[in-house]
Amino acid sequence: MAARKASNHSLLEICRQLDITPTYWYKLEKMESSTINYELLKKIEALLPLNLDIRFPEDLEINNLNGKKMDLSQLK
């Protein structure tokens, strides 16, 4: 919420630029939404004055809880 208020954009302008509804934005702010896609996170990071520091491992593989490798190369 602080990043939104610190920006020069209104809530409606932010939502228009992100192509989301104000209701969805409020759910994100209140952490009532359990999922958000990577592309939307990157758009939010570019639009608002904040740094989410979202990174994936360079080799695009990580171990999951079962010890199996997960291939992240298909993530967008």
PDB file of N, CA and C in Angstrom:
ATOM      1  N   MET A   1       0.828  -1.186   0.000  1.00  0.00           N
ATOM      2  CA  MET A   1       0.000   0.000   0.000  1.00  0.00           C
ATOM      3  C   MET A   1       0.875   1.253   0.000  1.00  0.00           C
ATOM      4  N   ALA A   2       1.967   1.214   0.725  1.00  0.00           N
ATOM      5  CA  ALA A   2       2.836   2.385   0.799  1.00  0.00           C
ATOM      6  C   ALA A   2       3.406   2.745  -0.569  1.00  0.00           C
ATOM      7  N   ALA A   3       3.771   1.728  -1.355  1.00  0.00           N
ATOM      8  CA  ALA A   3       4.316   1.993  -2.689  1.00  0.00           C
ATOM      9  C   ALA A   3       3.264   2.631  -3.591  1.00  0.00           C
ATOM     10  N   ARG A   4       2.024   2.176  -3.493  1.00  0.00           N
ATOM     11  CA  ARG A   4       0.949   2.773  -4.290  1.00  0.00           C
ATOM     12  C   ARG A   4       0.740   4.218  -3.897  1.00  0.00           C
ATOM     13  N   LYS A   5       0.710   4.491  -2.601  1.00  0.00           N
ATOM     14  CA  LYS A   5       0.486   5.859  -2.132  1.00  0.00           C
ATOM     15  C   LYS A   5       1.672   6.770  -2.449  1.00  0.00           C
ATOM     16  N   ALA A   6       2.864   6.201  -2.529  1.00  0.00           N
ATOM     17  CA  ALA A   6       4.058   6.996  -2.836  1.00  0.00           C
ATOM     18  C   ALA A   6       4.186   7.294  -4.329  1.00  0.00           C
ATOM     19  N   SER A   7       3.421   6.588  -5.144  1.00  0.00           N
ATOM     20  CA  SER A   7       3.517   6.810  -6.595  1.00  0.00           C
ATOM     21  C   SER A   7       2.712   8.039  -6.993  1.00  0.00           C
ATOM     22  N   ASN A   8       2.904   8.474  -8.214  1.00  0.00           N
ATOM     23  CA  ASN A   8       2.164   9.612  -8.756  1.00  0.00           C
ATOM     24  C   ASN A   8       0.864   9.179  -9.414  1.00  0.00           C
ATOM     25  N   HIS A   9       0.530   7.890  -9.339  1.00  0.00           N
ATOM     26  CA  HIS A   9      -0.625   7.335 -10.026  1.00  0.00           C
ATOM     27  C   HIS A   9      -1.784   7.104  -9.057  1.00  0.00           C
ATOM     28  N   SER A  10      -2.990   7.294  -9.563  1.00  0.00           N
ATOM     29  CA  SER A  10      -4.169   6.952  -8.772  1.00  0.00           C
ATOM     30  C   SER A  10      -4.351   5.432  -8.817  1.00  0.00           C
ATOM     31  N   LEU A  11      -5.171   4.905  -7.915  1.00  0.00           N
ATOM     32  CA  LEU A  11      -5.455   3.479  -7.910  1.00  0.00           C
ATOM     33  C   LEU A  11      -6.039   3.042  -9.249  1.00  0.00           C
ATOM     34  N   LEU A  12      -6.983   3.809  -9.785  1.00  0.00           N
ATOM     35  CA  LEU A  12      -7.594   3.436 -11.058  1.00  0.00           C
ATOM     36  C   LEU A  12      -6.587   3.439 -12.205  1.00  0.00           C
ATOM     37  N   GLU A  13      -5.680   4.395 -12.203  1.00  0.00           N
ATOM     38  CA  GLU A  13      -4.648   4.457 -13.246  1.00  0.00           C
ATOM     39  C   GLU A  13      -3.711   3.255 -13.137  1.00  0.00           C
ATOM     40  N   ILE A  14      -3.331   2.906 -11.922  1.00  0.00           N
ATOM     41  CA  ILE A  14      -2.468   1.737 -11.705  1.00  0.00           C
ATOM     42  C   ILE A  14      -3.163   0.484 -12.229  1.00  0.00           C
ATOM     43  N   CYS A  15      -4.424   0.312 -11.868  1.00  0.00           N
ATOM     44  CA  CYS A  15      -5.170  -0.870 -12.290  1.00  0.00           C
ATOM     45  C   CYS A  15      -5.333  -0.924 -13.801  1.00  0.00           C
ATOM     46  N   ARG A  16      -5.561   0.220 -14.427  1.00  0.00           N
ATOM     47  CA  ARG A  16      -5.670   0.257 -15.888  1.00  0.00           C
ATOM     48  C   ARG A  16      -4.357  -0.156 -16.542  1.00  0.00           C
ATOM     49  N   GLN A  17      -3.261   0.354 -16.028  1.00  0.00           N
ATOM     50  CA  GLN A  17      -1.958   0.035 -16.615  1.00  0.00           C
ATOM     51  C   GLN A  17      -1.585  -1.438 -16.399  1.00  0.00           C
ATOM     52  N   LEU A  18      -2.047  -2.015 -15.295  1.00  0.00           N
ATOM     53  CA  LEU A  18      -1.748  -3.414 -15.010  1.00  0.00           C
ATOM     54  C   LEU A  18      -2.797  -4.369 -15.570  1.00  0.00           C
ATOM     55  N   ASP A  19      -3.892  -3.805 -16.079  1.00  0.00           N
ATOM     56  CA  ASP A  19      -5.010  -4.586 -16.616  1.00  0.00           C
ATOM     57  C   ASP A  19      -5.607  -5.523 -15.555  1.00  0.00           C
ATOM     58  N   ILE A  20      -5.853  -4.947 -14.368  1.00  0.00           N
ATOM     59  CA  ILE A  20      -6.500  -5.676 -13.284  1.00  0.00           C
ATOM     60  C   ILE A  20      -7.612  -4.802 -12.705  1.00  0.00           C
ATOM     61  N   THR A  21      -8.463  -5.399 -11.895  1.00  0.00           N
ATOM     62  CA  THR A  21      -9.541  -4.643 -11.262  1.00  0.00           C
ATOM     63  C   THR A  21      -9.056  -4.056  -9.941  1.00  0.00           C
ATOM     64  N   PRO A  22      -9.668  -2.952  -9.492  1.00  0.00           N
ATOM     65  CA  PRO A  22      -9.335  -2.423  -8.168  1.00  0.00           C
ATOM     66  C   PRO A  22      -9.597  -3.445  -7.060  1.00  0.00           C
ATOM     67  N   THR A  23     -10.630  -4.268  -7.226  1.00  0.00           N
ATOM     68  CA  THR A  23     -10.918  -5.310  -6.231  1.00  0.00           C
ATOM     69  C   THR A  23      -9.743  -6.273  -6.103  1.00  0.00           C
ATOM     70  N   TYR A  24      -9.197  -6.692  -7.244  1.00  0.00           N
ATOM     71  CA  TYR A  24      -8.044  -7.593  -7.211  1.00  0.00           C
ATOM     72  C   TYR A  24      -6.837  -6.901  -6.567  1.00  0.00           C
ATOM     73  N   TRP A  25      -6.633  -5.637  -6.888  1.00  0.00           N
ATOM     74  CA  TRP A  25      -5.526  -4.890  -6.286  1.00  0.00           C
ATOM     75  C   TRP A  25      -5.658  -4.855  -4.766  1.00  0.00           C
ATOM     76  N   TYR A  26      -6.861  -4.571  -4.261  1.00  0.00           N
ATOM     77  CA  TYR A  26      -7.068  -4.536  -2.812  1.00  0.00           C
ATOM     78  C   TYR A  26      -6.814  -5.903  -2.182  1.00  0.00           C
ATOM     79  N   LYS A  27      -7.189  -6.967  -2.888  1.00  0.00           N
ATOM     80  CA  LYS A  27      -6.913  -8.315  -2.373  1.00  0.00           C
ATOM     81  C   LYS A  27      -5.416  -8.560  -2.282  1.00  0.00           C
ATOM     82  N   LEU A  28      -4.664  -8.073  -3.264  1.00  0.00           N
ATOM     83  CA  LEU A  28      -3.206  -8.201  -3.215  1.00  0.00           C
ATOM     84  C   LEU A  28      -2.631  -7.419  -2.038  1.00  0.00           C
ATOM     85  N   GLU A  29      -3.106  -6.191  -1.856  1.00  0.00           N
ATOM     86  CA  GLU A  29      -2.612  -5.365  -0.749  1.00  0.00           C
ATOM     87  C   GLU A  29      -2.907  -5.998   0.612  1.00  0.00           C
ATOM     88  N   LYS A  30      -4.082  -6.599   0.739  1.00  0.00           N
ATOM     89  CA  LYS A  30      -4.481  -7.205   2.013  1.00  0.00           C
ATOM     90  C   LYS A  30      -4.011  -8.650   2.133  1.00  0.00           C
ATOM     91  N   MET A  31      -3.254  -9.120   1.120  1.00  0.00           N
ATOM     92  CA  MET A  31      -2.752 -10.485   1.072  1.00  0.00           C
ATOM     93  C   MET A  31      -3.877 -11.508   1.179  1.00  0.00           C
ATOM     94  N   GLU A  32      -5.002 -11.201   0.543  1.00  0.00           N
ATOM     95  CA  GLU A  32      -6.139 -12.119   0.508  1.00  0.00           C
ATOM     96  C   GLU A  32      -6.119 -12.991  -0.743  1.00  0.00           C
ATOM     97  N   SER A  33      -5.235 -12.700  -1.667  1.00  0.00           N
ATOM     98  CA  SER A  33      -5.099 -13.511  -2.873  1.00  0.00           C
ATOM     99  C   SER A  33      -3.884 -14.416  -2.688  1.00  0.00           C
ATOM    100  N   SER A  34      -4.080 -15.703  -2.890  1.00  0.00           N
ATOM    101  CA  SER A  34      -2.991 -16.650  -2.639  1.00  0.00           C
ATOM    102  C   SER A  34      -2.050 -16.818  -3.827  1.00  0.00           C
ATOM    103  N   THR A  35      -2.434 -16.292  -4.994  1.00  0.00           N
ATOM    104  CA  THR A  35      -1.569 -16.427  -6.168  1.00  0.00           C
ATOM    105  C   THR A  35      -1.471 -15.105  -6.927  1.00  0.00           C
ATOM    106  N   ILE A  36      -0.345 -14.944  -7.598  1.00  0.00           N
ATOM    107  CA  ILE A  36      -0.123 -13.814  -8.493  1.00  0.00           C
ATOM    108  C   ILE A  36       0.896 -14.294  -9.520  1.00  0.00           C
ATOM    109  N   ASN A  37       0.694 -13.946 -10.776  1.00  0.00           N
ATOM    110  CA  ASN A  37       1.638 -14.449 -11.771  1.00  0.00           C
ATOM    111  C   ASN A  37       2.888 -13.572 -11.824  1.00  0.00           C
ATOM    112  N   TYR A  38       3.934 -14.179 -12.333  1.00  0.00           N
ATOM    113  CA  TYR A  38       5.241 -13.539 -12.392  1.00  0.00           C
ATOM    114  C   TYR A  38       5.216 -12.271 -13.237  1.00  0.00           C
ATOM    115  N   GLU A  39       4.517 -12.310 -14.377  1.00  0.00           N
ATOM    116  CA  GLU A  39       4.460 -11.139 -15.256  1.00  0.00           C
ATOM    117  C   GLU A  39       3.817  -9.946 -14.554  1.00  0.00           C
ATOM    118  N   LEU A  40       2.761 -10.185 -13.783  1.00  0.00           N
ATOM    119  CA  LEU A  40       2.119  -9.098 -13.056  1.00  0.00           C
ATOM    120  C   LEU A  40       3.064  -8.538 -11.999  1.00  0.00           C
ATOM    121  N   LEU A  41       3.801  -9.391 -11.321  1.00  0.00           N
ATOM    122  CA  LEU A  41       4.777  -8.908 -10.343  1.00  0.00           C
ATOM    123  C   LEU A  41       5.810  -8.001 -10.995  1.00  0.00           C
ATOM    124  N   LYS A  42       6.293  -8.399 -12.164  1.00  0.00           N
ATOM    125  CA  LYS A  42       7.278  -7.582 -12.869  1.00  0.00           C
ATOM    126  C   LYS A  42       6.680  -6.243 -13.298  1.00  0.00           C
ATOM    127  N   LYS A  43       5.411  -6.239 -13.738  1.00  0.00           N
ATOM    128  CA  LYS A  43       4.758  -4.990 -14.123  1.00  0.00           C
ATOM    129  C   LYS A  43       4.593  -4.066 -12.914  1.00  0.00           C
ATOM    130  N   ILE A  44       4.201  -4.625 -11.780  1.00  0.00           N
ATOM    131  CA  ILE A  44       4.050  -3.830 -10.560  1.00  0.00           C
ATOM    132  C   ILE A  44       5.386  -3.236 -10.159  1.00  0.00           C
ATOM    133  N   GLU A  45       6.431  -4.049 -10.209  1.00  0.00           N
ATOM    134  CA  GLU A  45       7.771  -3.589  -9.846  1.00  0.00           C
ATOM    135  C   GLU A  45       8.234  -2.450 -10.754  1.00  0.00           C
ATOM    136  N   ALA A  46       7.890  -2.511 -12.037  1.00  0.00           N
ATOM    137  CA  ALA A  46       8.284  -1.469 -12.985  1.00  0.00           C
ATOM    138  C   ALA A  46       7.462  -0.198 -12.818  1.00  0.00           C
ATOM    139  N   LEU A  47       6.207  -0.334 -12.396  1.00  0.00           N
ATOM    140  CA  LEU A  47       5.301   0.808 -12.310  1.00  0.00           C
ATOM    141  C   LEU A  47       5.440   1.584 -11.003  1.00  0.00           C
ATOM    142  N   LEU A  48       5.645   0.879  -9.913  1.00  0.00           N
ATOM    143  CA  LEU A  48       5.661   1.515  -8.592  1.00  0.00           C
ATOM    144  C   LEU A  48       7.075   1.623  -8.039  1.00  0.00           C
ATOM    145  N   PRO A  49       7.295   2.574  -7.130  1.00  0.00           N
ATOM    146  CA  PRO A  49       8.631   2.767  -6.563  1.00  0.00           C
ATOM    147  C   PRO A  49       8.966   1.716  -5.503  1.00  0.00           C
ATOM    148  N   LEU A  50       9.253   0.491  -5.959  1.00  0.00           N
ATOM    149  CA  LEU A  50       9.646  -0.562  -5.035  1.00  0.00           C
ATOM    150  C   LEU A  50      10.521  -1.559  -5.760  1.00  0.00           C
ATOM    151  N   ASN A  51      11.225  -2.374  -4.997  1.00  0.00           N
ATOM    152  CA  ASN A  51      12.080  -3.408  -5.558  1.00  0.00           C
ATOM    153  C   ASN A  51      11.683  -4.725  -4.924  1.00  0.00           C
ATOM    154  N   LEU A  52      11.045  -5.598  -5.710  1.00  0.00           N
ATOM    155  CA  LEU A  52      10.606  -6.887  -5.196  1.00  0.00           C
ATOM    156  C   LEU A  52      11.734  -7.910  -5.181  1.00  0.00           C
ATOM    157  N   ASP A  53      12.834  -7.631  -5.874  1.00  0.00           N
ATOM    158  CA  ASP A  53      14.009  -8.499  -5.921  1.00  0.00           C
ATOM    159  C   ASP A  53      13.626  -9.938  -6.255  1.00  0.00           C
ATOM    160  N   ILE A  54      12.869 -10.105  -7.334  1.00  0.00           N
ATOM    161  CA  ILE A  54      12.423 -11.427  -7.759  1.00  0.00           C
ATOM    162  C   ILE A  54      13.484 -12.021  -8.668  1.00  0.00           C
ATOM    163  N   ARG A  55      14.013 -13.178  -8.260  1.00  0.00           N
ATOM    164  CA  ARG A  55      15.039 -13.842  -9.058  1.00  0.00           C
ATOM    165  C   ARG A  55      14.807 -15.345  -9.026  1.00  0.00           C
ATOM    166  N   PHE A  56      15.209 -16.012 -10.095  1.00  0.00           N
ATOM    167  CA  PHE A  56      15.192 -17.460 -10.149  1.00  0.00           C
ATOM    168  C   PHE A  56      16.627 -17.935 -10.276  1.00  0.00           C
ATOM    169  N   PRO A  57      16.908 -19.172  -9.863  1.00  0.00           N
ATOM    170  CA  PRO A  57      18.276 -19.691 -10.004  1.00  0.00           C
ATOM    171  C   PRO A  57      18.735 -19.628 -11.455  1.00  0.00           C
ATOM    172  N   GLU A  58      20.015 -19.377 -11.649  1.00  0.00           N
ATOM    173  CA  GLU A  58      20.543 -19.228 -13.002  1.00  0.00           C
ATOM    174  C   GLU A  58      20.446 -20.502 -13.822  1.00  0.00           C
ATOM    175  N   ASP A  59      20.552 -21.665 -13.179  1.00  0.00           N
ATOM    176  CA  ASP A  59      20.501 -22.904 -13.949  1.00  0.00           C
ATOM    177  C   ASP A  59      19.069 -23.350 -14.242  1.00  0.00           C
ATOM    178  N   LEU A  60      18.084 -22.585 -13.794  1.00  0.00           N
ATOM    179  CA  LEU A  60      16.673 -22.830 -14.037  1.00  0.00           C
ATOM    180  C   LEU A  60      16.186 -24.171 -13.493  1.00  0.00           C
ATOM    181  N   GLU A  61      16.878 -24.721 -12.508  1.00  0.00           N
ATOM    182  CA  GLU A  61      16.422 -25.928 -11.840  1.00  0.00           C
ATOM    183  C   GLU A  61      16.587 -25.747 -10.340  1.00  0.00           C
ATOM    184  N   ILE A  62      15.615 -26.219  -9.591  1.00  0.00           N
ATOM    185  CA  ILE A  62      15.721 -26.218  -8.135  1.00  0.00           C
ATOM    186  C   ILE A  62      15.233 -27.568  -7.630  1.00  0.00           C
ATOM    187  N   ASN A  63      15.627 -27.931  -6.433  1.00  0.00           N
ATOM    188  CA  ASN A  63      15.146 -29.163  -5.830  1.00  0.00           C
ATOM    189  C   ASN A  63      13.839 -28.877  -5.116  1.00  0.00           C
ATOM    190  N   ASN A  64      12.830 -29.724  -5.335  1.00  0.00           N
ATOM    191  CA  ASN A  64      11.591 -29.547  -4.585  1.00  0.00           C
ATOM    192  C   ASN A  64      11.683 -30.327  -3.281  1.00  0.00           C
ATOM    193  N   LEU A  65      10.634 -30.362  -2.516  1.00  0.00           N
ATOM    194  CA  LEU A  65      10.664 -31.006  -1.202  1.00  0.00           C
ATOM    195  C   LEU A  65      10.890 -32.508  -1.287  1.00  0.00           C
ATOM    196  N   ASN A  66      10.592 -33.127  -2.415  1.00  0.00           N
ATOM    197  CA  ASN A  66      10.787 -34.571  -2.572  1.00  0.00           C
ATOM    198  C   ASN A  66      12.171 -34.910  -3.111  1.00  0.00           C
ATOM    199  N   GLY A  67      13.020 -33.911  -3.264  1.00  0.00           N
ATOM    200  CA  GLY A  67      14.364 -34.147  -3.771  1.00  0.00           C
ATOM    201  C   GLY A  67      14.453 -34.203  -5.283  1.00  0.00           C
ATOM    202  N   LYS A  68      13.336 -34.039  -5.976  1.00  0.00           N
ATOM    203  CA  LYS A  68      13.330 -34.060  -7.433  1.00  0.00           C
ATOM    204  C   LYS A  68      13.665 -32.678  -7.971  1.00  0.00           C
ATOM    205  N   LYS A  69      14.243 -32.646  -9.154  1.00  0.00           N
ATOM    206  CA  LYS A  69      14.553 -31.370  -9.809  1.00  0.00           C
ATOM    207  C   LYS A  69      13.295 -30.816 -10.453  1.00  0.00           C
ATOM    208  N   MET A  70      13.089 -29.509 -10.322  1.00  0.00           N
ATOM    209  CA  MET A  70      11.979 -28.838 -10.984  1.00  0.00           C
ATOM    210  C   MET A  70      12.560 -27.959 -12.077  1.00  0.00           C
ATOM    211  N   ASP A  71      12.102 -28.109 -13.294  1.00  0.00           N
ATOM    212  CA  ASP A  71      12.573 -27.331 -14.438  1.00  0.00           C
ATOM    213  C   ASP A  71      11.757 -26.033 -14.522  1.00  0.00           C
ATOM    214  N   LEU A  72      12.428 -24.903 -14.352  1.00  0.00           N
ATOM    215  CA  LEU A  72      11.760 -23.603 -14.383  1.00  0.00           C
ATOM    216  C   LEU A  72      11.871 -22.911 -15.740  1.00  0.00           C
ATOM    217  N   SER A  73      12.416 -23.591 -16.716  1.00  0.00           N
ATOM    218  CA  SER A  73      12.656 -22.954 -18.007  1.00  0.00           C
ATOM    219  C   SER A  73      11.378 -22.562 -18.738  1.00  0.00           C
ATOM    220  N   GLN A  74      10.261 -23.174 -18.400  1.00  0.00           N
ATOM    221  CA  GLN A  74       9.004 -22.880 -19.071  1.00  0.00           C
ATOM    222  C   GLN A  74       8.241 -21.719 -18.426  1.00  0.00           C
ATOM    223  N   LEU A  75       8.746 -21.199 -17.302  1.00  0.00           N
ATOM    224  CA  LEU A  75       8.083 -20.072 -16.653  1.00  0.00           C
ATOM    225  C   LEU A  75       8.211 -18.827 -17.494  1.00  0.00           C
ATOM    226  N   LYS A  76       7.156 -18.045 -17.531  1.00  0.00           N
ATOM    227  CA  LYS A  76       7.171 -16.790 -18.285  1.00  0.00           C
ATOM    228  C   LYS A  76       7.170 -15.627 -17.336  1.00  0.00           C
TER     229      LYS A  76
END
